Amino acid sequence: MVTSKPRKQRLALYSAPLHLRHRFLSAPLSRELKEKYKTRALPLRKGDRVRVLRGDFKKLEGEVVGIDSKRRSLYVEGASITKADGTQVPRPIRPSNVMLLKLAEDKERMQALERVAKSG
C-alpha cells in the first residue's frame, strides 16, 4: 500500500538512494517534443535546453550545465546571482519549474524513448 502522508513522502524523498534520485529530476516536455516522443516528461541531463517557467529567472532559456541529484536541483546557463563580494554563483532551480525544449541526444536516451513509445 502506498502512503499519502506528507511525513512519509518527505522521508522517502530525502532517504532515497542516489541511483534512484534521477527519477525525481524529471521535467515536462514542450508541446512539440510531447507529440514527437509520445511521453509527457523525462529526466533531465546535462546539455538539455530548458525554459524556466517560475521564479526570478522566468522565461530564461538556456542549457543545463549541471545537475545536483543530492539536492534535487539543476543549474541553467545564465541563471546566476551576484554575491556580496561580486562573484557570480549559479542559482539552483527545481526541475518542476522548467520545461524541456531540446534534448541532448545519446544512444541510451534514444533507446529509452523508443521503449516508451513502443509501450504507450
PDB file of N, CA and C in Angstrom:
ATOM      1  N   MET A   1       0.840  -1.180   0.000  1.00  0.00           N
ATOM      2  CA  MET A   1       0.000   0.000   0.000  1.00  0.00           C
ATOM      3  C   MET A   1       0.885   1.244   0.000  1.00  0.00           C
ATOM      4  N   VAL A   2       0.525   2.221  -0.778  1.00  0.00           N
ATOM      5  CA  VAL A   2       1.286   3.456  -0.885  1.00  0.00           C
ATOM      6  C   VAL A   2       0.686   4.476   0.067  1.00  0.00           C
ATOM      7  N   THR A   3       1.535   5.166   0.778  1.00  0.00           N
ATOM      8  CA  THR A   3       1.071   6.146   1.752  1.00  0.00           C
ATOM      9  C   THR A   3       0.901   7.516   1.115  1.00  0.00           C
ATOM     10  N   SER A   4       0.010   8.301   1.661  1.00  0.00           N
ATOM     11  CA  SER A   4      -0.162   9.677   1.206  1.00  0.00           C
ATOM     12  C   SER A   4       0.198  10.665   2.313  1.00  0.00           C
ATOM     13  N   LYS A   5       0.756  10.157   3.391  1.00  0.00           N
ATOM     14  CA  LYS A   5       1.120  11.041   4.491  1.00  0.00           C
ATOM     15  C   LYS A   5       2.349  11.862   4.122  1.00  0.00           C
ATOM     16  N   PRO A   6       2.279  13.184   4.280  1.00  0.00           N
ATOM     17  CA  PRO A   6       3.401  14.037   3.884  1.00  0.00           C
ATOM     18  C   PRO A   6       4.716  13.679   4.575  1.00  0.00           C
ATOM     19  N   ARG A   7       4.639  13.307   5.838  1.00  0.00           N
ATOM     20  CA  ARG A   7       5.866  12.983   6.568  1.00  0.00           C
ATOM     21  C   ARG A   7       6.581  11.800   5.910  1.00  0.00           C
ATOM     22  N   LYS A   8       5.814  10.780   5.547  1.00  0.00           N
ATOM     23  CA  LYS A   8       6.405   9.594   4.934  1.00  0.00           C
ATOM     24  C   LYS A   8       6.860   9.870   3.498  1.00  0.00           C
ATOM     25  N   GLN A   9       6.144  10.746   2.797  1.00  0.00           N
ATOM     26  CA  GLN A   9       6.561  11.112   1.447  1.00  0.00           C
ATOM     27  C   GLN A   9       7.907  11.842   1.481  1.00  0.00           C
ATOM     28  N   ARG A  10       8.048  12.793   2.414  1.00  0.00           N
ATOM     29  CA  ARG A  10       9.316  13.521   2.545  1.00  0.00           C
ATOM     30  C   ARG A  10      10.440  12.593   2.933  1.00  0.00           C
ATOM     31  N   LEU A  11      10.181  11.687   3.865  1.00  0.00           N
ATOM     32  CA  LEU A  11      11.202  10.739   4.292  1.00  0.00           C
ATOM     33  C   LEU A  11      11.672   9.881   3.113  1.00  0.00           C
ATOM     34  N   ALA A  12      10.738   9.452   2.286  1.00  0.00           N
ATOM     35  CA  ALA A  12      11.105   8.645   1.121  1.00  0.00           C
ATOM     36  C   ALA A  12      11.952   9.450   0.147  1.00  0.00           C
ATOM     37  N   LEU A  13      11.634  10.730  -0.042  1.00  0.00           N
ATOM     38  CA  LEU A  13      12.427  11.583  -0.937  1.00  0.00           C
ATOM     39  C   LEU A  13      13.830  11.804  -0.400  1.00  0.00           C
ATOM     40  N   TYR A  14      13.927  12.145   0.870  1.00  0.00           N
ATOM     41  CA  TYR A  14      15.216  12.521   1.441  1.00  0.00           C
ATOM     42  C   TYR A  14      16.124  11.329   1.690  1.00  0.00           C
ATOM     43  N   SER A  15      15.553  10.141   1.857  1.00  0.00           N
ATOM     44  CA  SER A  15      16.384   8.974   2.136  1.00  0.00           C
ATOM     45  C   SER A  15      16.528   8.047   0.934  1.00  0.00           C
ATOM     46  N   ALA A  16      16.077   8.492  -0.233  1.00  0.00           N
ATOM     47  CA  ALA A  16      16.196   7.662  -1.438  1.00  0.00           C
ATOM     48  C   ALA A  16      17.664   7.529  -1.827  1.00  0.00           C
ATOM     49  N   PRO A  17      18.076   6.361  -2.302  1.00  0.00           N
ATOM     50  CA  PRO A  17      19.463   6.200  -2.732  1.00  0.00           C
ATOM     51  C   PRO A  17      19.749   7.026  -3.986  1.00  0.00           C
ATOM     52  N   LEU A  18      21.010   7.406  -4.163  1.00  0.00           N
ATOM     53  CA  LEU A  18      21.384   8.303  -5.252  1.00  0.00           C
ATOM     54  C   LEU A  18      21.115   7.699  -6.631  1.00  0.00           C
ATOM     55  N   HIS A  19      21.180   6.379  -6.761  1.00  0.00           N
ATOM     56  CA  HIS A  19      20.961   5.796  -8.086  1.00  0.00           C
ATOM     57  C   HIS A  19      19.489   5.820  -8.497  1.00  0.00           C
ATOM     58  N   LEU A  20      18.583   6.143  -7.569  1.00  0.00           N
ATOM     59  CA  LEU A  20      17.169   6.280  -7.905  1.00  0.00           C
ATOM     60  C   LEU A  20      16.725   7.738  -7.992  1.00  0.00           C
ATOM     61  N   ARG A  21      17.567   8.657  -7.555  1.00  0.00           N
ATOM     62  CA  ARG A  21      17.156  10.053  -7.497  1.00  0.00           C
ATOM     63  C   ARG A  21      17.024  10.721  -8.856  1.00  0.00           C
ATOM     64  N   HIS A  22      17.590  10.142  -9.920  1.00  0.00           N
ATOM     65  CA  HIS A  22      17.449  10.772 -11.228  1.00  0.00           C
ATOM     66  C   HIS A  22      15.989  10.798 -11.669  1.00  0.00           C
ATOM     67  N   ARG A  23      15.163   9.906 -11.117  1.00  0.00           N
ATOM     68  CA  ARG A  23      13.731   9.912 -11.449  1.00  0.00           C
ATOM     69  C   ARG A  23      13.038  11.147 -10.891  1.00  0.00           C
ATOM     70  N   PHE A  24      13.549  11.685  -9.794  1.00  0.00           N
ATOM     71  CA  PHE A  24      12.953  12.885  -9.197  1.00  0.00           C
ATOM     72  C   PHE A  24      13.321  14.130  -9.988  1.00  0.00           C
ATOM     73  N   LEU A  25      14.275  14.020 -10.901  1.00  0.00           N
ATOM     74  CA  LEU A  25      14.752  15.160 -11.672  1.00  0.00           C
ATOM     75  C   LEU A  25      14.102  15.191 -13.051  1.00  0.00           C
ATOM     76  N   SER A  26      12.821  14.898 -13.119  1.00  0.00           N
ATOM     77  CA  SER A  26      12.100  14.902 -14.385  1.00  0.00           C
ATOM     78  C   SER A  26      11.444  16.250 -14.607  1.00  0.00           C
ATOM     79  N   ALA A  27      11.382  16.641 -15.885  1.00  0.00           N
ATOM     80  CA  ALA A  27      10.742  17.899 -16.263  1.00  0.00           C
ATOM     81  C   ALA A  27       9.784  17.629 -17.421  1.00  0.00           C
ATOM     82  N   PRO A  28       8.701  18.398 -17.503  1.00  0.00           N
ATOM     83  CA  PRO A  28       7.763  18.209 -18.613  1.00  0.00           C
ATOM     84  C   PRO A  28       8.384  18.614 -19.946  1.00  0.00           C
ATOM     85  N   LEU A  29       7.921  17.974 -21.012  1.00  0.00           N
ATOM     86  CA  LEU A  29       8.398  18.268 -22.356  1.00  0.00           C
ATOM     87  C   LEU A  29       7.571  19.385 -22.981  1.00  0.00           C
ATOM     88  N   SER A  30       8.150  20.075 -23.950  1.00  0.00           N
ATOM     89  CA  SER A  30       7.402  21.075 -24.702  1.00  0.00           C
ATOM     90  C   SER A  30       6.363  20.370 -25.572  1.00  0.00           C
ATOM     91  N   ARG A  31       5.436  21.121 -26.112  1.00  0.00           N
ATOM     92  CA  ARG A  31       4.338  20.547 -26.897  1.00  0.00           C
ATOM     93  C   ARG A  31       4.857  19.754 -28.103  1.00  0.00           C
ATOM     94  N   GLU A  32       5.879  20.278 -28.786  1.00  0.00           N
ATOM     95  CA  GLU A  32       6.437  19.603 -29.956  1.00  0.00           C
ATOM     96  C   GLU A  32       7.093  18.281 -29.567  1.00  0.00           C
ATOM     97  N   LEU A  33       7.846  18.291 -28.464  1.00  0.00           N
ATOM     98  CA  LEU A  33       8.522  17.066 -28.032  1.00  0.00           C
ATOM     99  C   LEU A  33       7.529  16.027 -27.530  1.00  0.00           C
ATOM    100  N   LYS A  34       6.436  16.473 -26.914  1.00  0.00           N
ATOM    101  CA  LYS A  34       5.396  15.538 -26.467  1.00  0.00           C
ATOM    102  C   LYS A  34       4.811  14.780 -27.652  1.00  0.00           C
ATOM    103  N   GLU A  35       4.525  15.515 -28.725  1.00  0.00           N
ATOM    104  CA  GLU A  35       3.968  14.874 -29.912  1.00  0.00           C
ATOM    105  C   GLU A  35       4.973  13.944 -30.568  1.00  0.00           C
ATOM    106  N   LYS A  36       6.232  14.350 -30.585  1.00  0.00           N
ATOM    107  CA  LYS A  36       7.268  13.561 -31.252  1.00  0.00           C
ATOM    108  C   LYS A  36       7.580  12.268 -30.504  1.00  0.00           C
ATOM    109  N   TYR A  37       7.744  12.349 -29.183  1.00  0.00           N
ATOM    110  CA  TYR A  37       8.188  11.194 -28.403  1.00  0.00           C
ATOM    111  C   TYR A  37       7.061  10.475 -27.671  1.00  0.00           C
ATOM    112  N   LYS A  38       5.843  10.992 -27.724  1.00  0.00           N
ATOM    113  CA  LYS A  38       4.664  10.351 -27.115  1.00  0.00           C
ATOM    114  C   LYS A  38       4.836  10.103 -25.610  1.00  0.00           C
ATOM    115  N   THR A  39       5.487  11.040 -24.947  1.00  0.00           N
ATOM    116  CA  THR A  39       5.631  10.967 -23.492  1.00  0.00           C
ATOM    117  C   THR A  39       5.524  12.371 -22.920  1.00  0.00           C
ATOM    118  N   ARG A  40       5.235  12.455 -21.642  1.00  0.00           N
ATOM    119  CA  ARG A  40       4.931  13.732 -21.023  1.00  0.00           C
ATOM    120  C   ARG A  40       6.136  14.396 -20.373  1.00  0.00           C
ATOM    121  N   ALA A  41       6.988  13.579 -19.735  1.00  0.00           N
ATOM    122  CA  ALA A  41       8.137  14.130 -19.011  1.00  0.00           C
ATOM    123  C   ALA A  41       9.312  13.165 -19.122  1.00  0.00           C
ATOM    124  N   LEU A  42      10.511  13.710 -18.947  1.00  0.00           N
ATOM    125  CA  LEU A  42      11.729  12.911 -18.990  1.00  0.00           C
ATOM    126  C   LEU A  42      12.705  13.421 -17.935  1.00  0.00           C
ATOM    127  N   PRO A  43      13.565  12.536 -17.424  1.00  0.00           N
ATOM    128  CA  PRO A  43      14.615  13.007 -16.518  1.00  0.00           C
ATOM    129  C   PRO A  43      15.582  13.934 -17.249  1.00  0.00           C
ATOM    130  N   LEU A  44      16.016  14.971 -16.568  1.00  0.00           N
ATOM    131  CA  LEU A  44      16.926  15.958 -17.152  1.00  0.00           C
ATOM    132  C   LEU A  44      18.349  15.425 -17.212  1.00  0.00           C
ATOM    133  N   ARG A  45      19.103  15.936 -18.185  1.00  0.00           N
ATOM    134  CA  ARG A  45      20.515  15.612 -18.324  1.00  0.00           C
ATOM    135  C   ARG A  45      21.285  16.869 -18.652  1.00  0.00           C
ATOM    136  N   LYS A  46      22.567  16.810 -18.390  1.00  0.00           N
ATOM    137  CA  LYS A  46      23.445  17.913 -18.745  1.00  0.00           C
ATOM    138  C   LYS A  46      23.441  18.047 -20.264  1.00  0.00           C
ATOM    139  N   GLY A  47      23.276  19.273 -20.742  1.00  0.00           N
ATOM    140  CA  GLY A  47      23.238  19.510 -22.177  1.00  0.00           C
ATOM    141  C   GLY A  47      21.849  19.734 -22.730  1.00  0.00           C
ATOM    142  N   ASP A  48      20.803  19.438 -21.944  1.00  0.00           N
ATOM    143  CA  ASP A  48      19.428  19.691 -22.393  1.00  0.00           C
ATOM    144  C   ASP A  48      19.174  21.193 -22.451  1.00  0.00           C
ATOM    145  N   ARG A  49      18.308  21.615 -23.369  1.00  0.00           N
ATOM    146  CA  ARG A  49      17.905  23.014 -23.438  1.00  0.00           C
ATOM    147  C   ARG A  49      16.561  23.140 -22.744  1.00  0.00           C
ATOM    148  N   VAL A  50      16.461  24.072 -21.777  1.00  0.00           N
ATOM    149  CA  VAL A  50      15.243  24.226 -20.982  1.00  0.00           C
ATOM    150  C   VAL A  50      14.804  25.684 -20.946  1.00  0.00           C
ATOM    151  N   ARG A  51      13.532  25.880 -20.612  1.00  0.00           N
ATOM    152  CA  ARG A  51      12.994  27.210 -20.354  1.00  0.00           C
ATOM    153  C   ARG A  51      12.503  27.230 -18.921  1.00  0.00           C
ATOM    154  N   VAL A  52      12.907  28.246 -18.158  1.00  0.00           N
ATOM    155  CA  VAL A  52      12.478  28.382 -16.769  1.00  0.00           C
ATOM    156  C   VAL A  52      11.072  28.975 -16.766  1.00  0.00           C
ATOM    157  N   LEU A  53      10.157  28.337 -16.024  1.00  0.00           N
ATOM    158  CA  LEU A  53       8.761  28.749 -16.013  1.00  0.00           C
ATOM    159  C   LEU A  53       8.366  29.526 -14.771  1.00  0.00           C
ATOM    160  N   ARG A  54       9.127  29.391 -13.690  1.00  0.00           N
ATOM    161  CA  ARG A  54       8.782  30.043 -12.428  1.00  0.00           C
ATOM    162  C   ARG A  54      10.024  30.660 -11.805  1.00  0.00           C
ATOM    163  N   GLY A  55       9.802  31.646 -10.962  1.00  0.00           N
ATOM    164  CA  GLY A  55      10.889  32.202 -10.172  1.00  0.00           C
ATOM    165  C   GLY A  55      11.528  33.443 -10.774  1.00  0.00           C
ATOM    166  N   ASP A  56      12.680  33.814 -10.226  1.00  0.00           N
ATOM    167  CA  ASP A  56      13.380  35.033 -10.635  1.00  0.00           C
ATOM    168  C   ASP A  56      13.845  34.993 -12.085  1.00  0.00           C
ATOM    169  N   PHE A  57      14.093  33.804 -12.610  1.00  0.00           N
ATOM    170  CA  PHE A  57      14.626  33.665 -13.958  1.00  0.00           C
ATOM    171  C   PHE A  57      13.561  33.195 -14.944  1.00  0.00           C
ATOM    172  N   LYS A  58      12.322  33.540 -14.688  1.00  0.00           N
ATOM    173  CA  LYS A  58      11.203  33.151 -15.544  1.00  0.00           C
ATOM    174  C   LYS A  58      11.466  33.609 -16.981  1.00  0.00           C
ATOM    175  N   LYS A  59      11.137  32.766 -17.948  1.00  0.00           N
ATOM    176  CA  LYS A  59      11.296  32.979 -19.392  1.00  0.00           C
ATOM    177  C   LYS A  59      12.741  32.866 -19.870  1.00  0.00           C
ATOM    178  N   LEU A  60      13.680  32.533 -18.994  1.00  0.00           N
ATOM    179  CA  LEU A  60      15.063  32.340 -19.412  1.00  0.00           C
ATOM    180  C   LEU A  60      15.189  30.995 -20.108  1.00  0.00           C
ATOM    181  N   GLU A  61      15.835  30.987 -21.275  1.00  0.00           N
ATOM    182  CA  GLU A  61      16.125  29.749 -21.979  1.00  0.00           C
ATOM    183  C   GLU A  61      17.623  29.536 -21.942  1.00  0.00           C
ATOM    184  N   GLY A  62      18.018  28.339 -21.569  1.00  0.00           N
ATOM    185  CA  GLY A  62      19.439  28.045 -21.504  1.00  0.00           C
ATOM    186  C   GLY A  62      19.696  26.564 -21.428  1.00  0.00           C
ATOM    187  N   GLU A  63      20.969  26.236 -21.475  1.00  0.00           N
ATOM    188  CA  GLU A  63      21.391  24.845 -21.430  1.00  0.00           C
ATOM    189  C   GLU A  63      21.634  24.430 -19.982  1.00  0.00           C
ATOM    190  N   VAL A  64      21.318  23.191 -19.669  1.00  0.00           N
ATOM    191  CA  VAL A  64      21.578  22.660 -18.330  1.00  0.00           C
ATOM    192  C   VAL A  64      23.082  22.426 -18.226  1.00  0.00           C
ATOM    193  N   VAL A  65      23.727  23.133 -17.287  1.00  0.00           N
ATOM    194  CA  VAL A  65      25.180  22.999 -17.138  1.00  0.00           C
ATOM    195  C   VAL A  65      25.555  22.072 -15.996  1.00  0.00           C
ATOM    196  N   GLY A  66      24.599  21.755 -15.134  1.00  0.00           N
ATOM    197  CA  GLY A  66      24.888  20.835 -14.042  1.00  0.00           C
ATOM    198  C   GLY A  66      23.621  20.360 -13.371  1.00  0.00           C
ATOM    199  N   ILE A  67      23.721  19.168 -12.774  1.00  0.00           N
ATOM    200  CA  ILE A  67      22.584  18.597 -12.057  1.00  0.00           C
ATOM    201  C   ILE A  67      23.080  18.125 -10.702  1.00  0.00           C
ATOM    202  N   ASP A  68      22.341  18.468  -9.652  1.00  0.00           N
ATOM    203  CA  ASP A  68      22.679  18.059  -8.296  1.00  0.00           C
ATOM    204  C   ASP A  68      21.585  17.118  -7.809  1.00  0.00           C
ATOM    205  N   SER A  69      21.821  15.818  -7.939  1.00  0.00           N
ATOM    206  CA  SER A  69      20.785  14.862  -7.564  1.00  0.00           C
ATOM    207  C   SER A  69      20.627  14.771  -6.053  1.00  0.00           C
ATOM    208  N   LYS A  70      21.645  15.134  -5.315  1.00  0.00           N
ATOM    209  CA  LYS A  70      21.558  15.119  -3.860  1.00  0.00           C
ATOM    210  C   LYS A  70      20.526  16.149  -3.368  1.00  0.00           C
ATOM    211  N   ARG A  71      20.532  17.330  -3.979  1.00  0.00           N
ATOM    212  CA  ARG A  71      19.620  18.401  -3.573  1.00  0.00           C
ATOM    213  C   ARG A  71      18.423  18.552  -4.498  1.00  0.00           C
ATOM    214  N   ARG A  72      18.274  17.647  -5.479  1.00  0.00           N
ATOM    215  CA  ARG A  72      17.173  17.659  -6.441  1.00  0.00           C
ATOM    216  C   ARG A  72      17.040  19.010  -7.122  1.00  0.00           C
ATOM    217  N   SER A  73      18.129  19.498  -7.705  1.00  0.00           N
ATOM    218  CA  SER A  73      18.106  20.777  -8.401  1.00  0.00           C
ATOM    219  C   SER A  73      19.046  20.721  -9.599  1.00  0.00           C
ATOM    220  N   LEU A  74      18.907  21.721 -10.471  1.00  0.00           N
ATOM    221  CA  LEU A  74      19.759  21.794 -11.646  1.00  0.00           C
ATOM    222  C   LEU A  74      20.249  23.216 -11.808  1.00  0.00           C
ATOM    223  N   TYR A  75      21.267  23.375 -12.627  1.00  0.00           N
ATOM    224  CA  TYR A  75      21.862  24.681 -12.884  1.00  0.00           C
ATOM    225  C   TYR A  75      21.734  24.975 -14.365  1.00  0.00           C
ATOM    226  N   VAL A  76      21.183  26.155 -14.674  1.00  0.00           N
ATOM    227  CA  VAL A  76      20.934  26.554 -16.051  1.00  0.00           C
ATOM    228  C   VAL A  76      21.898  27.677 -16.413  1.00  0.00           C
ATOM    229  N   GLU A  77      22.393  27.623 -17.642  1.00  0.00           N
ATOM    230  CA  GLU A  77      23.289  28.642 -18.151  1.00  0.00           C
ATOM    231  C   GLU A  77      22.584  30.002 -18.142  1.00  0.00           C
ATOM    232  N   GLY A  78      23.180  30.991 -17.505  1.00  0.00           N
ATOM    233  CA  GLY A  78      22.592  32.324 -17.429  1.00  0.00           C
ATOM    234  C   GLY A  78      21.823  32.591 -16.155  1.00  0.00           C
ATOM    235  N   ALA A  79      21.536  31.560 -15.379  1.00  0.00           N
ATOM    236  CA  ALA A  79      20.806  31.741 -14.122  1.00  0.00           C
ATOM    237  C   ALA A  79      21.811  31.777 -12.982  1.00  0.00           C
ATOM    238  N   SER A  80      22.338  32.972 -12.719  1.00  0.00           N
ATOM    239  CA  SER A  80      23.317  33.110 -11.642  1.00  0.00           C
ATOM    240  C   SER A  80      23.023  34.382 -10.859  1.00  0.00           C
ATOM    241  N   ILE A  81      23.474  34.387  -9.619  1.00  0.00           N
ATOM    242  CA  ILE A  81      23.277  35.546  -8.754  1.00  0.00           C
ATOM    243  C   ILE A  81      24.647  36.095  -8.366  1.00  0.00           C
ATOM    244  N   THR A  82      24.678  37.358  -7.988  1.00  0.00           N
ATOM    245  CA  THR A  82      25.922  38.007  -7.585  1.00  0.00           C
ATOM    246  C   THR A  82      25.987  38.049  -6.067  1.00  0.00           C
ATOM    247  N   LYS A  83      27.070  37.528  -5.526  1.00  0.00           N
ATOM    248  CA  LYS A  83      27.263  37.558  -4.081  1.00  0.00           C
ATOM    249  C   LYS A  83      27.733  38.943  -3.646  1.00  0.00           C
ATOM    250  N   ALA A  84      27.808  39.152  -2.353  1.00  0.00           N
ATOM    251  CA  ALA A  84      28.188  40.448  -1.816  1.00  0.00           C
ATOM    252  C   ALA A  84      29.603  40.844  -2.220  1.00  0.00           C
ATOM    253  N   ASP A  85      30.478  39.852  -2.403  1.00  0.00           N
ATOM    254  CA  ASP A  85      31.856  40.181  -2.801  1.00  0.00           C
ATOM    255  C   ASP A  85      32.007  40.310  -4.315  1.00  0.00           C
ATOM    256  N   GLY A  86      30.903  40.211  -5.065  1.00  0.00           N
ATOM    257  CA  GLY A  86      30.935  40.434  -6.507  1.00  0.00           C
ATOM    258  C   GLY A  86      31.091  39.195  -7.357  1.00  0.00           C
ATOM    259  N   THR A  87      31.252  38.034  -6.744  1.00  0.00           N
ATOM    260  CA  THR A  87      31.413  36.819  -7.537  1.00  0.00           C
ATOM    261  C   THR A  87      30.051  36.294  -7.998  1.00  0.00           C
ATOM    262  N   GLN A  88      30.033  35.679  -9.177  1.00  0.00           N
ATOM    263  CA  GLN A  88      28.820  35.095  -9.741  1.00  0.00           C
ATOM    264  C   GLN A  88      28.707  33.647  -9.286  1.00  0.00           C
ATOM    265  N   VAL A  89      27.523  33.267  -8.791  1.00  0.00           N
ATOM    266  CA  VAL A  89      27.273  31.909  -8.314  1.00  0.00           C
ATOM    267  C   VAL A  89      26.043  31.373  -9.047  1.00  0.00           C
ATOM    268  N   PRO A  90      26.100  30.147  -9.595  1.00  0.00           N
ATOM    269  CA  PRO A  90      24.918  29.607 -10.262  1.00  0.00           C
ATOM    270  C   PRO A  90      23.790  29.372  -9.267  1.00  0.00           C
ATOM    271  N   ARG A  91      22.569  29.691  -9.679  1.00  0.00           N
ATOM    272  CA  ARG A  91      21.397  29.571  -8.816  1.00  0.00           C
ATOM    273  C   ARG A  91      20.721  28.235  -9.073  1.00  0.00           C
ATOM    274  N   PRO A  92      20.534  27.407  -8.049  1.00  0.00           N
ATOM    275  CA  PRO A  92      19.852  26.128  -8.259  1.00  0.00           C
ATOM    276  C   PRO A  92      18.375  26.340  -8.576  1.00  0.00           C
ATOM    277  N   ILE A  93      17.860  25.522  -9.500  1.00  0.00           N
ATOM    278  CA  ILE A  93      16.466  25.601  -9.919  1.00  0.00           C
ATOM    279  C   ILE A  93      15.863  24.211  -9.812  1.00  0.00           C
ATOM    280  N   ARG A  94      14.651  24.131  -9.305  1.00  0.00           N
ATOM    281  CA  ARG A  94      13.970  22.844  -9.179  1.00  0.00           C
ATOM    282  C   ARG A  94      13.510  22.370 -10.557  1.00  0.00           C
ATOM    283  N   PRO A  95      13.566  21.073 -10.811  1.00  0.00           N
ATOM    284  CA  PRO A  95      13.185  20.581 -12.141  1.00  0.00           C
ATOM    285  C   PRO A  95      11.705  20.759 -12.475  1.00  0.00           C
ATOM    286  N   SER A  96      10.845  20.893 -11.472  1.00  0.00           N
ATOM    287  CA  SER A  96       9.423  21.105 -11.748  1.00  0.00           C
ATOM    288  C   SER A  96       9.162  22.506 -12.288  1.00  0.00           C
ATOM    289  N   ASN A  97      10.142  23.396 -12.181  1.00  0.00           N
ATOM    290  CA  ASN A  97       9.974  24.772 -12.626  1.00  0.00           C
ATOM    291  C   ASN A  97      10.555  25.033 -14.009  1.00  0.00           C
ATOM    292  N   VAL A  98      10.938  23.981 -14.720  1.00  0.00           N
ATOM    293  CA  VAL A  98      11.471  24.152 -16.064  1.00  0.00           C
ATOM    294  C   VAL A  98      10.702  23.276 -17.049  1.00  0.00           C
ATOM    295  N   MET A  99      10.868  23.592 -18.345  1.00  0.00           N
ATOM    296  CA  MET A  99      10.258  22.797 -19.413  1.00  0.00           C
ATOM    297  C   MET A  99      11.348  22.456 -20.416  1.00  0.00           C
ATOM    298  N   LEU A 100      11.406  21.195 -20.801  1.00  0.00           N
ATOM    299  CA  LEU A 100      12.405  20.736 -21.770  1.00  0.00           C
ATOM    300  C   LEU A 100      12.048  21.221 -23.165  1.00  0.00           C
ATOM    301  N   LEU A 101      13.006  21.886 -23.831  1.00  0.00           N
ATOM    302  CA  LEU A 101      12.793  22.372 -25.186  1.00  0.00           C
ATOM    303  C   LEU A 101      13.537  21.524 -26.214  1.00  0.00           C
ATOM    304  N   LYS A 102      14.749  21.085 -25.858  1.00  0.00           N
ATOM    305  CA  LYS A 102      15.567  20.302 -26.779  1.00  0.00           C
ATOM    306  C   LYS A 102      16.366  19.306 -25.962  1.00  0.00           C
ATOM    307  N   LEU A 103      16.421  18.071 -26.436  1.00  0.00           N
ATOM    308  CA  LEU A 103      17.111  17.013 -25.704  1.00  0.00           C
ATOM    309  C   LEU A 103      18.552  16.895 -26.152  1.00  0.00           C
ATOM    310  N   ALA A 104      19.424  16.609 -25.201  1.00  0.00           N
ATOM    311  CA  ALA A 104      20.794  16.233 -25.516  1.00  0.00           C
ATOM    312  C   ALA A 104      20.747  14.744 -25.817  1.00  0.00           C
ATOM    313  N   GLU A 105      20.822  14.407 -27.089  1.00  0.00           N
ATOM    314  CA  GLU A 105      20.566  13.030 -27.508  1.00  0.00           C
ATOM    315  C   GLU A 105      21.816  12.175 -27.395  1.00  0.00           C
ATOM    316  N   ASP A 106      21.636  10.999 -26.826  1.00  0.00           N
ATOM    317  CA  ASP A 106      22.675   9.978 -26.831  1.00  0.00           C
ATOM    318  C   ASP A 106      21.998   8.629 -26.997  1.00  0.00           C
ATOM    319  N   LYS A 107      22.791   7.581 -27.152  1.00  0.00           N
ATOM    320  CA  LYS A 107      22.269   6.269 -27.520  1.00  0.00           C
ATOM    321  C   LYS A 107      21.301   5.720 -26.472  1.00  0.00           C
ATOM    322  N   GLU A 108      21.675   5.777 -25.182  1.00  0.00           N
ATOM    323  CA  GLU A 108      20.828   5.207 -24.134  1.00  0.00           C
ATOM    324  C   GLU A 108      19.492   5.937 -24.019  1.00  0.00           C
ATOM    325  N   ARG A 109      19.529   7.242 -24.175  1.00  0.00           N
ATOM    326  CA  ARG A 109      18.298   8.015 -24.054  1.00  0.00           C
ATOM    327  C   ARG A 109      17.345   7.710 -25.213  1.00  0.00           C
ATOM    328  N   MET A 110      17.893   7.580 -26.412  1.00  0.00           N
ATOM    329  CA  MET A 110      17.053   7.261 -27.563  1.00  0.00           C
ATOM    330  C   MET A 110      16.433   5.863 -27.418  1.00  0.00           C
ATOM    331  N   GLN A 111      17.195   4.921 -26.865  1.00  0.00           N
ATOM    332  CA  GLN A 111      16.650   3.582 -26.625  1.00  0.00           C
ATOM    333  C   GLN A 111      15.518   3.640 -25.611  1.00  0.00           C
ATOM    334  N   ALA A 112      15.679   4.455 -24.574  1.00  0.00           N
ATOM    335  CA  ALA A 112      14.626   4.595 -23.558  1.00  0.00           C
ATOM    336  C   ALA A 112      13.370   5.225 -24.177  1.00  0.00           C
ATOM    337  N   LEU A 113      13.548   6.231 -25.034  1.00  0.00           N
ATOM    338  CA  LEU A 113      12.400   6.866 -25.683  1.00  0.00           C
ATOM    339  C   LEU A 113      11.687   5.893 -26.624  1.00  0.00           C
ATOM    340  N   GLU A 114      12.442   5.042 -27.293  1.00  0.00           N
ATOM    341  CA  GLU A 114      11.828   4.039 -28.159  1.00  0.00           C
ATOM    342  C   GLU A 114      11.008   3.034 -27.341  1.00  0.00           C
ATOM    343  N   ARG A 115      11.530   2.639 -26.174  1.00  0.00           N
ATOM    344  CA  ARG A 115      10.793   1.720 -25.297  1.00  0.00           C
ATOM    345  C   ARG A 115       9.478   2.357 -24.842  1.00  0.00           C
ATOM    346  N   VAL A 116       9.534   3.637 -24.476  1.00  0.00           N
ATOM    347  CA  VAL A 116       8.340   4.334 -24.006  1.00  0.00           C
ATOM    348  C   VAL A 116       7.312   4.442 -25.131  1.00  0.00           C
ATOM    349  N   ALA A 117       7.776   4.783 -26.338  1.00  0.00           N
ATOM    350  CA  ALA A 117       6.864   4.930 -27.467  1.00  0.00           C
ATOM    351  C   ALA A 117       6.241   3.594 -27.848  1.00  0.00           C
ATOM    352  N   LYS A 118       7.007   2.517 -27.742  1.00  0.00           N
ATOM    353  CA  LYS A 118       6.514   1.198 -28.093  1.00  0.00           C
ATOM    354  C   LYS A 118       5.453   0.708 -27.101  1.00  0.00           C
ATOM    355  N   SER A 119       5.687   0.976 -25.798  1.00  0.00           N
ATOM    356  CA  SER A 119       4.741   0.516 -24.780  1.00  0.00           C
ATOM    357  C   SER A 119       3.492   1.373 -24.728  1.00  0.00           C
ATOM    358  N   GLY A 120       3.633   2.666 -25.052  1.00  0.00           N
ATOM    359  CA  GLY A 120       2.498   3.581 -24.957  1.00  0.00           C
ATOM    360  C   GLY A 120       1.767   3.667 -26.212  1.00  0.00           C
TER     361      GLY A 120
END
